[in-house]
Protein backbone atom coordinates (compact mmCIF):
# COMPACT_ATOMS: atom_id res chain seq x y z
CA MET A 1 -6.24 -51.87 4.00
CA THR A 2 -8.29 -51.15 0.96
CA ALA A 3 -7.56 -48.52 -1.63
CA ASP A 4 -10.68 -46.70 -0.51
CA GLY A 5 -9.32 -46.39 3.06
CA THR A 6 -5.96 -45.14 1.78
CA ASP A 7 -7.67 -42.47 -0.29
CA LYS A 8 -9.64 -41.32 2.75
CA ASP A 9 -6.46 -41.17 4.87
CA ARG A 10 -4.71 -39.19 2.14
CA ALA A 11 -7.68 -36.81 1.85
CA LEU A 12 -7.70 -36.29 5.63
CA SER A 13 -3.97 -35.65 5.57
CA GLU A 14 -4.39 -33.03 2.82
CA ILE A 15 -7.24 -31.38 4.71
CA ARG A 16 -5.15 -31.22 7.88
CA SER A 17 -2.27 -29.76 5.89
CA ASP A 18 -4.57 -27.15 4.33
CA ILE A 19 -5.91 -26.23 7.77
CA GLU A 20 -2.38 -25.73 9.11
CA VAL A 21 -1.41 -23.55 6.14
CA THR A 22 -4.57 -21.51 6.61
CA ARG A 23 -3.81 -21.05 10.31
CA GLN A 24 -0.31 -19.83 9.51
CA ARG A 25 -1.61 -17.35 6.94
CA LEU A 26 -4.26 -16.10 9.35
CA ALA A 27 -1.68 -15.63 12.09
CA GLN A 28 0.57 -13.71 9.69
CA THR A 29 -2.34 -11.52 8.57
CA LEU A 30 -3.31 -10.75 12.15
CA ASP A 31 0.30 -9.84 12.97
CA GLU A 32 0.39 -7.44 10.01
CA ILE A 33 -2.91 -5.84 11.06
CA GLU A 34 -1.61 -5.44 14.61
CA ASP A 35 1.55 -3.75 13.32
CA ARG A 36 -0.47 -1.35 11.17
CA LEU A 37 -2.74 -0.38 14.05
CA ASP A 38 0.11 0.20 16.52
CA VAL A 39 0.65 3.90 15.80
CA PRO A 40 3.21 4.61 18.55
CA LYS A 41 5.34 1.70 17.34
CA ARG A 42 5.12 2.91 13.72
CA PHE A 43 6.03 6.46 14.79
CA LYS A 44 9.09 5.28 16.71
CA LYS A 45 10.15 3.16 13.74
CA ALA A 46 9.76 6.11 11.34
CA VAL A 47 11.78 8.38 13.63
CA ALA A 48 14.54 5.78 13.92
CA GLU A 49 14.65 5.35 10.13
CA GLY A 50 14.79 9.11 9.66
CA ARG A 51 17.69 9.40 12.07
CA GLU A 52 19.55 6.62 10.30
CA ARG A 53 19.05 8.31 6.93
CA PHE A 54 20.15 11.68 8.31
CA ASP A 55 23.26 10.17 9.88
CA THR A 56 24.12 8.38 6.64
CA MET A 57 23.68 11.57 4.61
CA ARG A 58 25.67 13.57 7.15
CA GLN A 59 28.55 11.11 6.96
CA GLU A 60 28.51 10.90 3.16
CA ASN A 61 28.08 14.61 2.39
CA PRO A 62 28.22 16.85 5.47
CA THR A 63 28.54 20.06 3.44
CA LEU A 64 25.23 19.47 1.70
CA VAL A 65 23.42 18.57 4.92
CA TYR A 66 24.68 21.58 6.85
CA GLY A 67 24.04 23.84 3.87
CA VAL A 68 20.41 22.71 3.71
CA LEU A 69 20.02 23.14 7.47
CA GLY A 70 21.54 26.63 7.26
CA GLY A 71 19.23 27.54 4.40
CA ALA A 72 16.23 26.32 6.35
CA ALA A 73 17.32 28.37 9.37
CA LEU A 74 17.64 31.48 7.18
CA ALA A 75 14.19 30.87 5.70
CA VAL A 76 12.64 30.57 9.16
CA ALA A 77 14.43 33.72 10.32
CA GLY A 78 13.25 35.58 7.20
CA LEU A 79 9.65 34.51 7.74
CA GLY A 80 9.88 35.56 11.37
CA ALA A 81 11.16 38.98 10.34
CA LEU A 82 8.30 39.37 7.85
CA VAL A 83 5.73 38.43 10.49
CA ILE A 84 7.19 40.88 12.98
CA ARG A 85 7.36 43.62 10.35
CA GLY A 86 3.76 42.97 9.33
CA ALA A 87 2.60 43.07 12.96
CA ARG A 88 4.17 46.48 13.49
CA ARG A 89 2.28 48.08 10.60
């Protein structure tokens, strides 16, 4: 085989390799786009992550977590009382 034929074979091999790499990148990009557009899946994932964080915080410092929850409950009750009081006037 001549050197010219070897160069052509090498060039074809590189082109095929480039095409395969491009296909893999395109497939990865399409998978990422699909994940971003799947809102229910993203919502479920966010809820699961939130639960994991809450459970971790609750295990590490339960006093802080329950104190914050109690404070939030008092704030909601206070706002409710103000709304009711304002409605009666």
